[in-house]
Amino acid sequence: SAPYSERYARVLQDGMVSMTQADNLVVIKTVSGMAMAV
């Protein structure tokens, strides 16, 4: 019931590859097919 569950933490750990700033954007690269889940 917490807004941020362990399941989402696992998705971030497993799915996120890199994160970069582009002006006011955060561009996040993920494992192929995982962007929507991340």
Full PDB file with SEQRES, HELIX, SHEET, SSBOND, CRYST1, ORIGX, SCALE, CONECT and MASTER records, all heavy atoms in Angstrom:
SEQRES   1 A   38  SER ALA PRO TYR SER GLU ARG TYR ALA ARG VAL LEU GLN          
SEQRES   2 A   38  ASP GLY MET VAL SER MET THR GLN ALA ASP ASN LEU VAL          
SEQRES   3 A   38  VAL ILE LYS THR VAL SER GLY MET ALA MET ALA VAL              
HELIX    1 AA1 GLU A    6  GLY A   15  1                                  10    
SHEET    1 AA1 2 MET A  16  ALA A  22  0                                        
SHEET    2 AA1 2 LEU A  25  THR A  30 -1                                        
CRYST1    1.000    1.000    1.000  90.00  90.00  90.00 P 1           1          
ORIGX1      1.000000  0.000000  0.000000        0.00000                         
ORIGX2      0.000000  1.000000  0.000000        0.00000                         
ORIGX3      0.000000  0.000000  1.000000        0.00000                         
SCALE1      1.000000  0.000000  0.000000        0.00000                         
SCALE2      0.000000  1.000000  0.000000        0.00000                         
SCALE3      0.000000  0.000000  1.000000        0.00000                         
ATOM      1  N   SER A   1       0.823  -1.201   0.000  1.00  0.00           N  
ATOM      2  CA  SER A   1       0.000   0.000   0.000  1.00  0.00           C  
ATOM      3  C   SER A   1       0.860   1.255   0.000  1.00  0.00           C  
ATOM      4  O   SER A   1       0.358   2.348  -0.199  1.00  0.00           O  
ATOM      5  CB  SER A   1      -0.940  -0.002   1.213  1.00  0.00           C  
ATOM      6  OG  SER A   1      -0.174  -0.030   2.402  1.00  0.00           O  
ATOM      7  N   ALA A   2       2.146   1.111   0.257  1.00  0.00           N  
ATOM      8  CA  ALA A   2       3.046   2.255   0.193  1.00  0.00           C  
ATOM      9  C   ALA A   2       3.127   2.736  -1.254  1.00  0.00           C  
ATOM     10  O   ALA A   2       3.035   1.946  -2.176  1.00  0.00           O  
ATOM     11  CB  ALA A   2       4.431   1.848   0.689  1.00  0.00           C  
ATOM     12  N   PRO A   3       3.303   4.047  -1.457  1.00  0.00           N  
ATOM     13  CA  PRO A   3       3.333   4.562  -2.826  1.00  0.00           C  
ATOM     14  C   PRO A   3       4.528   4.035  -3.626  1.00  0.00           C  
ATOM     15  O   PRO A   3       4.498   4.006  -4.835  1.00  0.00           O  
ATOM     16  CB  PRO A   3       3.397   6.077  -2.643  1.00  0.00           C  
ATOM     17  CG  PRO A   3       3.842   6.301  -1.255  1.00  0.00           C  
ATOM     18  CD  PRO A   3       3.426   5.090  -0.472  1.00  0.00           C  
ATOM     19  N   TYR A   4       5.586   3.647  -2.960  1.00  0.00           N  
ATOM     20  CA  TYR A   4       6.752   3.133  -3.663  1.00  0.00           C  
ATOM     21  C   TYR A   4       7.097   1.769  -3.072  1.00  0.00           C  
ATOM     22  O   TYR A   4       7.616   1.660  -1.990  1.00  0.00           O  
ATOM     23  CB  TYR A   4       7.925   4.103  -3.526  1.00  0.00           C  
ATOM     24  CG  TYR A   4       9.109   3.658  -4.321  1.00  0.00           C  
ATOM     25  CD1 TYR A   4       9.116   3.793  -5.693  1.00  0.00           C  
ATOM     26  CD2 TYR A   4      10.190   3.060  -3.709  1.00  0.00           C  
ATOM     27  CE1 TYR A   4      10.174   3.351  -6.444  1.00  0.00           C  
ATOM     28  CE2 TYR A   4      11.248   2.619  -4.449  1.00  0.00           C  
ATOM     29  CZ  TYR A   4      11.246   2.770  -5.813  1.00  0.00           C  
ATOM     30  OH  TYR A   4      12.291   2.320  -6.560  1.00  0.00           O  
ATOM     31  N   SER A   5       6.801   0.726  -3.783  1.00  0.00           N  
ATOM     32  CA  SER A   5       6.976  -0.620  -3.250  1.00  0.00           C  
ATOM     33  C   SER A   5       8.324  -1.199  -3.626  1.00  0.00           C  
ATOM     34  O   SER A   5       9.034  -0.685  -4.481  1.00  0.00           O  
ATOM     35  CB  SER A   5       5.864  -1.530  -3.781  1.00  0.00           C  
ATOM     36  OG  SER A   5       6.050  -1.741  -5.171  1.00  0.00           O  
ATOM     37  N   GLU A   6       8.652  -2.306  -2.985  1.00  0.00           N  
ATOM     38  CA  GLU A   6       9.883  -3.029  -3.314  1.00  0.00           C  
ATOM     39  C   GLU A   6       9.876  -3.482  -4.762  1.00  0.00           C  
ATOM     40  O   GLU A   6      10.916  -3.548  -5.403  1.00  0.00           O  
ATOM     41  CB  GLU A   6      10.031  -4.244  -2.400  1.00  0.00           C  
ATOM     42  CG  GLU A   6      10.451  -3.901  -1.008  1.00  0.00           C  
ATOM     43  CD  GLU A   6      10.669  -5.144  -0.164  1.00  0.00           C  
ATOM     44  OE1 GLU A   6      11.139  -6.159  -0.708  1.00  0.00           O  
ATOM     45  OE2 GLU A   6      10.377  -5.079   1.036  1.00  0.00           O  
ATOM     46  N   ARG A   7       8.717  -3.782  -5.274  1.00  0.00           N  
ATOM     47  CA  ARG A   7       8.599  -4.226  -6.666  1.00  0.00           C  
ATOM     48  C   ARG A   7       9.118  -3.146  -7.611  1.00  0.00           C  
ATOM     49  O   ARG A   7       9.829  -3.420  -8.559  1.00  0.00           O  
ATOM     50  CB  ARG A   7       7.152  -4.559  -6.986  1.00  0.00           C  
ATOM     51  CG  ARG A   7       6.942  -5.095  -8.372  1.00  0.00           C  
ATOM     52  CD  ARG A   7       5.534  -5.524  -8.545  1.00  0.00           C  
ATOM     53  NE  ARG A   7       5.276  -6.653  -7.668  1.00  0.00           N  
ATOM     54  CZ  ARG A   7       4.332  -7.535  -7.850  1.00  0.00           C  
ATOM     55  NH1 ARG A   7       3.516  -7.423  -8.855  1.00  0.00           N  
ATOM     56  NH2 ARG A   7       4.165  -8.529  -7.018  1.00  0.00           N  
ATOM     57  N   TYR A   8       8.741  -1.891  -7.363  1.00  0.00           N  
ATOM     58  CA  TYR A   8       9.212  -0.801  -8.206  1.00  0.00           C  
ATOM     59  C   TYR A   8      10.713  -0.580  -8.027  1.00  0.00           C  
ATOM     60  O   TYR A   8      11.410  -0.237  -8.977  1.00  0.00           O  
ATOM     61  CB  TYR A   8       8.444   0.489  -7.927  1.00  0.00           C  
ATOM     62  CG  TYR A   8       7.086   0.535  -8.584  1.00  0.00           C  
ATOM     63  CD1 TYR A   8       5.994   1.061  -7.913  1.00  0.00           C  
ATOM     64  CD2 TYR A   8       6.898   0.080  -9.882  1.00  0.00           C  
ATOM     65  CE1 TYR A   8       4.748   1.128  -8.518  1.00  0.00           C  
ATOM     66  CE2 TYR A   8       5.653   0.139 -10.493  1.00  0.00           C  
ATOM     67  CZ  TYR A   8       4.596   0.668  -9.810  1.00  0.00           C  
ATOM     68  OH  TYR A   8       3.372   0.733 -10.415  1.00  0.00           O  
ATOM     69  N   ALA A   9      11.218  -0.747  -6.811  1.00  0.00           N  
ATOM     70  CA  ALA A   9      12.660  -0.616  -6.591  1.00  0.00           C  
ATOM     71  C   ALA A   9      13.401  -1.642  -7.432  1.00  0.00           C  
ATOM     72  O   ALA A   9      14.423  -1.344  -8.054  1.00  0.00           O  
ATOM     73  CB  ALA A   9      12.995  -0.799  -5.108  1.00  0.00           C  
ATOM     74  N   ARG A  10      12.866  -2.842  -7.491  1.00  0.00           N  
ATOM     75  CA  ARG A  10      13.476  -3.906  -8.289  1.00  0.00           C  
ATOM     76  C   ARG A  10      13.445  -3.560  -9.778  1.00  0.00           C  
ATOM     77  O   ARG A  10      14.409  -3.809 -10.500  1.00  0.00           O  
ATOM     78  CB  ARG A  10      12.731  -5.215  -8.023  1.00  0.00           C  
ATOM     79  CG  ARG A  10      13.153  -6.373  -8.832  1.00  0.00           C  
ATOM     80  CD  ARG A  10      14.305  -7.062  -8.199  1.00  0.00           C  
ATOM     81  NE  ARG A  10      14.734  -8.111  -9.099  1.00  0.00           N  
ATOM     82  CZ  ARG A  10      15.250  -9.219  -8.712  1.00  0.00           C  
ATOM     83  NH1 ARG A  10      15.414  -9.445  -7.438  1.00  0.00           N  
ATOM     84  NH2 ARG A  10      15.633 -10.101  -9.578  1.00  0.00           N  
ATOM     85  N   VAL A  11      12.345  -2.983 -10.235  1.00  0.00           N  
ATOM     86  CA  VAL A  11      12.241  -2.568 -11.634  1.00  0.00           C  
ATOM     87  C   VAL A  11      13.310  -1.526 -11.948  1.00  0.00           C  
ATOM     88  O   VAL A  11      13.981  -1.599 -12.977  1.00  0.00           O  
ATOM     89  CB  VAL A  11      10.825  -2.027 -11.952  1.00  0.00           C  
ATOM     90  CG1 VAL A  11      10.796  -1.329 -13.302  1.00  0.00           C  
ATOM     91  CG2 VAL A  11       9.813  -3.150 -11.924  1.00  0.00           C  
ATOM     92  N   LEU A  12      13.506  -0.557 -11.056  1.00  0.00           N  
ATOM     93  CA  LEU A  12      14.545   0.455 -11.267  1.00  0.00           C  
ATOM     94  C   LEU A  12      15.927  -0.187 -11.293  1.00  0.00           C  
ATOM     95  O   LEU A  12      16.741   0.117 -12.163  1.00  0.00           O  
ATOM     96  CB  LEU A  12      14.495   1.524 -10.174  1.00  0.00           C  
ATOM     97  CG  LEU A  12      13.487   2.642 -10.338  1.00  0.00           C  
ATOM     98  CD1 LEU A  12      13.531   3.581  -9.142  1.00  0.00           C  
ATOM     99  CD2 LEU A  12      13.711   3.405 -11.612  1.00  0.00           C  
ATOM    100  N   GLN A  13      16.194  -1.077 -10.352  1.00  0.00           N  
ATOM    101  CA  GLN A  13      17.500  -1.729 -10.288  1.00  0.00           C  
ATOM    102  C   GLN A  13      17.784  -2.569 -11.522  1.00  0.00           C  
ATOM    103  O   GLN A  13      18.869  -2.507 -12.095  1.00  0.00           O  
ATOM    104  CB  GLN A  13      17.595  -2.636  -9.047  1.00  0.00           C  
ATOM    105  CG  GLN A  13      17.635  -1.889  -7.754  1.00  0.00           C  
ATOM    106  CD  GLN A  13      17.426  -2.802  -6.555  1.00  0.00           C  
ATOM    107  OE1 GLN A  13      17.188  -3.991  -6.689  1.00  0.00           O  
ATOM    108  NE2 GLN A  13      17.509  -2.233  -5.375  1.00  0.00           N  
ATOM    109  N   ASP A  14      16.799  -3.347 -11.941  1.00  0.00           N  
ATOM    110  CA  ASP A  14      16.992  -4.266 -13.059  1.00  0.00           C  
ATOM    111  C   ASP A  14      16.869  -3.604 -14.423  1.00  0.00           C  
ATOM    112  O   ASP A  14      17.469  -4.062 -15.388  1.00  0.00           O  
ATOM    113  CB  ASP A  14      15.976  -5.418 -12.993  1.00  0.00           C  
ATOM    114  CG  ASP A  14      16.201  -6.324 -11.805  1.00  0.00           C  
ATOM    115  OD1 ASP A  14      17.260  -6.221 -11.159  1.00  0.00           O  
ATOM    116  OD2 ASP A  14      15.297  -7.138 -11.525  1.00  0.00           O  
ATOM    117  N   GLY A  15      16.066  -2.535 -14.510  1.00  0.00           N  
ATOM    118  CA  GLY A  15      15.748  -1.977 -15.813  1.00  0.00           C  
ATOM    119  C   GLY A  15      16.553  -0.774 -16.248  1.00  0.00           C  
ATOM    120  O   GLY A  15      16.756  -0.557 -17.436  1.00  0.00           O  
ATOM    121  N   MET A  16      17.024   0.019 -15.298  1.00  0.00           N  
ATOM    122  CA  MET A  16      17.700   1.253 -15.659  1.00  0.00           C  
ATOM    123  C   MET A  16      19.160   1.001 -16.007  1.00  0.00           C  
ATOM    124  O   MET A  16      19.875   0.316 -15.282  1.00  0.00           O  
ATOM    125  CB  MET A  16      17.605   2.266 -14.517  1.00  0.00           C  
ATOM    126  CG  MET A  16      17.758   3.674 -14.972  1.00  0.00           C  
ATOM    127  SD  MET A  16      17.193   4.868 -13.753  1.00  0.00           S  
ATOM    128  CE  MET A  16      18.691   5.089 -12.842  1.00  0.00           C  
ATOM    129  N   VAL A  17      19.599   1.575 -17.130  1.00  0.00           N  
ATOM    130  CA  VAL A  17      20.985   1.419 -17.583  1.00  0.00           C  
ATOM    131  C   VAL A  17      21.785   2.692 -17.331  1.00  0.00           C  
ATOM    132  O   VAL A  17      22.894   2.640 -16.803  1.00  0.00           O  
ATOM    133  CB  VAL A  17      21.030   1.048 -19.085  1.00  0.00           C  
ATOM    134  CG1 VAL A  17      22.445   1.032 -19.613  1.00  0.00           C  
ATOM    135  CG2 VAL A  17      20.338  -0.292 -19.321  1.00  0.00           C  
ATOM    136  N   SER A  18      21.227   3.857 -17.702  1.00  0.00           N  
ATOM    137  CA  SER A  18      21.936   5.122 -17.502  1.00  0.00           C  
ATOM    138  C   SER A  18      20.945   6.268 -17.410  1.00  0.00           C  
ATOM    139  O   SER A  18      19.772   6.132 -17.771  1.00  0.00           O  
ATOM    140  CB  SER A  18      22.914   5.376 -18.648  1.00  0.00           C  
ATOM    141  OG  SER A  18      22.209   5.597 -19.863  1.00  0.00           O  
ATOM    142  N   MET A  19      21.454   7.407 -16.929  1.00  0.00           N  
ATOM    143  CA  MET A  19      20.619   8.587 -16.768  1.00  0.00           C  
ATOM    144  C   MET A  19      21.475   9.810 -17.088  1.00  0.00           C  
ATOM    145  O   MET A  19      22.595   9.921 -16.593  1.00  0.00           O  
ATOM    146  CB  MET A  19      20.104   8.633 -15.322  1.00  0.00           C  
ATOM    147  CG  MET A  19      19.118   9.701 -15.043  1.00  0.00           C  
ATOM    148  SD  MET A  19      18.245   9.526 -13.442  1.00  0.00           S  
ATOM    149  CE  MET A  19      19.448   8.863 -12.330  1.00  0.00           C  
ATOM    150  N   THR A  20      20.940  10.710 -17.926  1.00  0.00           N  
ATOM    151  CA  THR A  20      21.675  11.885 -18.369  1.00  0.00           C  
ATOM    152  C   THR A  20      20.772  13.108 -18.355  1.00  0.00           C  
ATOM    153  O   THR A  20      19.574  12.991 -18.621  1.00  0.00           O  
ATOM    154  CB  THR A  20      22.151  11.705 -19.838  1.00  0.00           C  
ATOM    155  OG1 THR A  20      22.611  10.389 -20.031  1.00  0.00           O  
ATOM    156  CG2 THR A  20      23.254  12.673 -20.181  1.00  0.00           C  
ATOM    157  N   GLN A  21      21.374  14.263 -18.106  1.00  0.00           N  
ATOM    158  CA  GLN A  21      20.634  15.518 -18.174  1.00  0.00           C  
ATOM    159  C   GLN A  21      20.756  16.102 -19.574  1.00  0.00           C  
ATOM    160  O   GLN A  21      21.827  16.104 -20.169  1.00  0.00           O  
ATOM    161  CB  GLN A  21      21.165  16.532 -17.162  1.00  0.00           C  
ATOM    162  CG  GLN A  21      20.432  17.863 -17.220  1.00  0.00           C  
ATOM    163  CD  GLN A  21      20.857  18.842 -16.135  1.00  0.00           C  
ATOM    164  OE1 GLN A  21      21.675  18.538 -15.281  1.00  0.00           O  
ATOM    165  NE2 GLN A  21      20.285  20.032 -16.172  1.00  0.00           N  
ATOM    166  N   ALA A  22      19.639  16.605 -20.109  1.00  0.00           N  
ATOM    167  CA  ALA A  22      19.611  17.345 -21.364  1.00  0.00           C  
ATOM    168  C   ALA A  22      18.724  18.564 -21.123  1.00  0.00           C  
ATOM    169  O   ALA A  22      17.502  18.479 -21.244  1.00  0.00           O  
ATOM    170  CB  ALA A  22      19.076  16.486 -22.497  1.00  0.00           C  
ATOM    171  N   ASP A  23      19.339  19.657 -20.721  1.00  0.00           N  
ATOM    172  CA  ASP A  23      18.631  20.875 -20.334  1.00  0.00           C  
ATOM    173  C   ASP A  23      17.672  20.556 -19.184  1.00  0.00           C  
ATOM    174  O   ASP A  23      18.123  20.123 -18.130  1.00  0.00           O  
ATOM    175  CB  ASP A  23      17.923  21.512 -21.525  1.00  0.00           C  
ATOM    176  CG  ASP A  23      17.498  22.960 -21.232  1.00  0.00           C  
ATOM    177  OD1 ASP A  23      18.177  23.628 -20.420  1.00  0.00           O  
ATOM    178  OD2 ASP A  23      16.492  23.407 -21.788  1.00  0.00           O  
ATOM    179  N   ASN A  24      16.358  20.707 -19.377  1.00  0.00           N  
ATOM    180  CA  ASN A  24      15.430  20.414 -18.284  1.00  0.00           C  
ATOM    181  C   ASN A  24      14.860  18.992 -18.386  1.00  0.00           C  
ATOM    182  O   ASN A  24      13.883  18.667 -17.727  1.00  0.00           O  
ATOM    183  CB  ASN A  24      14.279  21.416 -18.240  1.00  0.00           C  
ATOM    184  CG  ASN A  24      13.299  21.237 -19.381  1.00  0.00           C  
ATOM    185  OD1 ASN A  24      13.709  21.067 -20.529  1.00  0.00           O  
ATOM    186  ND2 ASN A  24      12.026  21.256 -19.066  1.00  0.00           N  
ATOM    187  N   LEU A  25      15.490  18.141 -19.194  1.00  0.00           N  
ATOM    188  CA  LEU A  25      15.046  16.754 -19.344  1.00  0.00           C  
ATOM    189  C   LEU A  25      16.001  15.800 -18.642  1.00  0.00           C  
ATOM    190  O   LEU A  25      17.217  16.020 -18.636  1.00  0.00           O  
ATOM    191  CB  LEU A  25      14.979  16.359 -20.819  1.00  0.00           C  
ATOM    192  CG  LEU A  25      14.039  17.151 -21.715  1.00  0.00           C  
ATOM    193  CD1 LEU A  25      14.195  16.695 -23.156  1.00  0.00           C  
ATOM    194  CD2 LEU A  25      12.603  16.985 -21.248  1.00  0.00           C  
ATOM    195  N   VAL A  26      15.438  14.744 -18.101  1.00  0.00           N  
ATOM    196  CA  VAL A  26      16.231  13.618 -17.639  1.00  0.00           C  
ATOM    197  C   VAL A  26      15.981  12.518 -18.658  1.00  0.00           C  
ATOM    198  O   VAL A  26      14.841  12.090 -18.855  1.00  0.00           O  
ATOM    199  CB  VAL A  26      15.822  13.146 -16.224  1.00  0.00           C  
ATOM    200  CG1 VAL A  26      16.621  11.913 -15.821  1.00  0.00           C  
ATOM    201  CG2 VAL A  26      15.987  14.259 -15.207  1.00  0.00           C  
ATOM    202  N   VAL A  27      17.044  12.095 -19.338  1.00  0.00           N  
ATOM    203  CA  VAL A  27      16.945  11.043 -20.342  1.00  0.00           C  
ATOM    204  C   VAL A  27      17.488   9.771 -19.717  1.00  0.00           C  
ATOM    205  O   VAL A  27      18.640   9.703 -19.305  1.00  0.00           O  
ATOM    206  CB  VAL A  27      17.721  11.403 -21.631  1.00  0.00           C  
ATOM    207  CG1 VAL A  27      17.608  10.281 -22.653  1.00  0.00           C  
ATOM    208  CG2 VAL A  27      17.217  12.726 -22.212  1.00  0.00           C  
ATOM    209  N   ILE A  28      16.619   8.771 -19.644  1.00  0.00           N  
ATOM    210  CA  ILE A  28      16.972   7.513 -18.983  1.00  0.00           C  
ATOM    211  C   ILE A  28      16.976   6.397 -20.016  1.00  0.00           C  
ATOM    212  O   ILE A  28      15.991   6.208 -20.727  1.00  0.00           O  
ATOM    213  CB  ILE A  28      15.972   7.195 -17.853  1.00  0.00           C  
ATOM    214  CG1 ILE A  28      15.991   8.317 -16.823  1.00  0.00           C  
ATOM    215  CG2 ILE A  28      16.277   5.837 -17.228  1.00  0.00           C  
ATOM    216  CD1 ILE A  28      14.853   8.273 -15.834  1.00  0.00           C  
ATOM    217  N   LYS A  29      18.081   5.688 -20.109  1.00  0.00           N  
ATOM    218  CA  LYS A  29      18.185   4.516 -20.984  1.00  0.00           C  
ATOM    219  C   LYS A  29      17.890   3.290 -20.119  1.00  0.00           C  
ATOM    220  O   LYS A  29      18.330   3.205 -18.976  1.00  0.00           O  
ATOM    221  CB  LYS A  29      19.575   4.395 -21.601  1.00  0.00           C  
ATOM    222  CG  LYS A  29      19.949   5.539 -22.528  1.00  0.00           C  
ATOM    223  CD  LYS A  29      19.030   5.666 -23.705  1.00  0.00           C  
ATOM    224  CE  LYS A  29      19.366   4.674 -24.780  1.00  0.00           C  
ATOM    225  NZ  LYS A  29      18.548   4.798 -25.986  1.00  0.00           N  
ATOM    226  N   THR A  30      17.127   2.353 -20.693  1.00  0.00           N  
ATOM    227  CA  THR A  30      16.755   1.144 -19.973  1.00  0.00           C  
ATOM    228  C   THR A  30      17.124  -0.089 -20.789  1.00  0.00           C  
ATOM    229  O   THR A  30      17.457   0.013 -21.967  1.00  0.00           O  
ATOM    230  CB  THR A  30      15.235   1.095 -19.693  1.00  0.00           C  
ATOM    231  OG1 THR A  30      14.543   0.879 -20.918  1.00  0.00           O  
ATOM    232  CG2 THR A  30      14.748   2.365 -19.016  1.00  0.00           C  
ATOM    233  N   VAL A  31      16.990  -1.228 -20.173  1.00  0.00           N  
ATOM    234  CA  VAL A  31      17.074  -2.491 -20.879  1.00  0.00           C  
ATOM    235  C   VAL A  31      15.961  -2.478 -21.915  1.00  0.00           C  
ATOM    236  O   VAL A  31      14.866  -1.956 -21.656  1.00  0.00           O  
ATOM    237  CB  VAL A  31      16.886  -3.669 -19.886  1.00  0.00           C  
ATOM    238  CG1 VAL A  31      16.798  -4.992 -20.609  1.00  0.00           C  
ATOM    239  CG2 VAL A  31      17.992  -3.666 -18.843  1.00  0.00           C  
ATOM    240  N   SER A  32      16.209  -3.029 -23.084  1.00  0.00           N  
ATOM    241  CA  SER A  32      15.210  -3.035 -24.151  1.00  0.00           C  
ATOM    242  C   SER A  32      13.880  -3.606 -23.651  1.00  0.00           C  
ATOM    243  O   SER A  32      13.835  -4.664 -23.035  1.00  0.00           O  
ATOM    244  CB  SER A  32      15.720  -3.865 -25.332  1.00  0.00           C  
ATOM    245  OG  SER A  32      14.780  -3.842 -26.376  1.00  0.00           O  
ATOM    246  N   GLY A  33      12.807  -2.860 -23.904  1.00  0.00           N  
ATOM    247  CA  GLY A  33      11.467  -3.299 -23.519  1.00  0.00           C  
ATOM    248  C   GLY A  33      11.055  -2.930 -22.108  1.00  0.00           C  
ATOM    249  O   GLY A  33       9.930  -3.204 -21.708  1.00  0.00           O  
ATOM    250  N   MET A  34      11.931  -2.289 -21.352  1.00  0.00           N  
ATOM    251  CA  MET A  34      11.629  -2.003 -19.948  1.00  0.00           C  
ATOM    252  C   MET A  34      11.292  -0.541 -19.666  1.00  0.00           C  
ATOM    253  O   MET A  34      11.007  -0.183 -18.528  1.00  0.00           O  
ATOM    254  CB  MET A  34      12.815  -2.418 -19.065  1.00  0.00           C  
ATOM    255  CG  MET A  34      13.046  -3.898 -18.979  1.00  0.00           C  
ATOM    256  SD  MET A  34      11.747  -4.762 -18.087  1.00  0.00           S  
ATOM    257  CE  MET A  34      12.018  -4.184 -16.426  1.00  0.00           C  
ATOM    258  N   ALA A  35      11.307   0.314 -20.682  1.00  0.00           N  
ATOM    259  CA  ALA A  35      11.110   1.740 -20.434  1.00  0.00           C  
ATOM    260  C   ALA A  35       9.769   2.044 -19.769  1.00  0.00           C  
ATOM    261  O   ALA A  35       9.701   2.855 -18.839  1.00  0.00           O  
ATOM    262  CB  ALA A  35      11.263   2.537 -21.722  1.00  0.00           C  
ATOM    263  N   MET A  36       8.690   1.396 -20.228  1.00  0.00           N  
ATOM    264  CA  MET A  36       7.380   1.691 -19.635  1.00  0.00           C  
ATOM    265  C   MET A  36       7.321   1.284 -18.165  1.00  0.00           C  
ATOM    266  O   MET A  36       6.754   1.998 -17.335  1.00  0.00           O  
ATOM    267  CB  MET A  36       6.270   1.022 -20.444  1.00  0.00           C  
ATOM    268  CG  MET A  36       6.067   1.705 -21.786  1.00  0.00           C  
ATOM    269  SD  MET A  36       4.866   0.928 -22.878  1.00  0.00           S  
ATOM    270  CE  MET A  36       3.402   0.924 -21.901  1.00  0.00           C  
ATOM    271  N   ALA A  37       7.918   0.149 -17.833  1.00  0.00           N  
ATOM    272  CA  ALA A  37       7.923  -0.305 -16.439  1.00  0.00           C  
ATOM    273  C   ALA A  37       8.763   0.614 -15.568  1.00  0.00           C  
ATOM    274  O   ALA A  37       8.361   0.963 -14.446  1.00  0.00           O  
ATOM    275  CB  ALA A  37       8.434  -1.739 -16.358  1.00  0.00           C  
ATOM    276  N   VAL A  38       9.929   1.023 -16.064  1.00  0.00           N  
ATOM    277  CA  VAL A  38      10.780   1.938 -15.297  1.00  0.00           C  
ATOM    278  C   VAL A  38      10.086   3.291 -15.149  1.00  0.00           C  
ATOM    279  O   VAL A  38      10.117   3.896 -14.067  1.00  0.00           O  
ATOM    280  CB  VAL A  38      12.176   2.079 -15.952  1.00  0.00           C  
ATOM    281  CG1 VAL A  38      12.994   3.168 -15.267  1.00  0.00           C  
ATOM    282  CG2 VAL A  38      12.929   0.742 -15.901  1.00  0.00           C  
TER     283      VAL A  38                                                      
MASTER        0    0    0    1    2    0    0    6  282    1    0    3          
END                                                                             
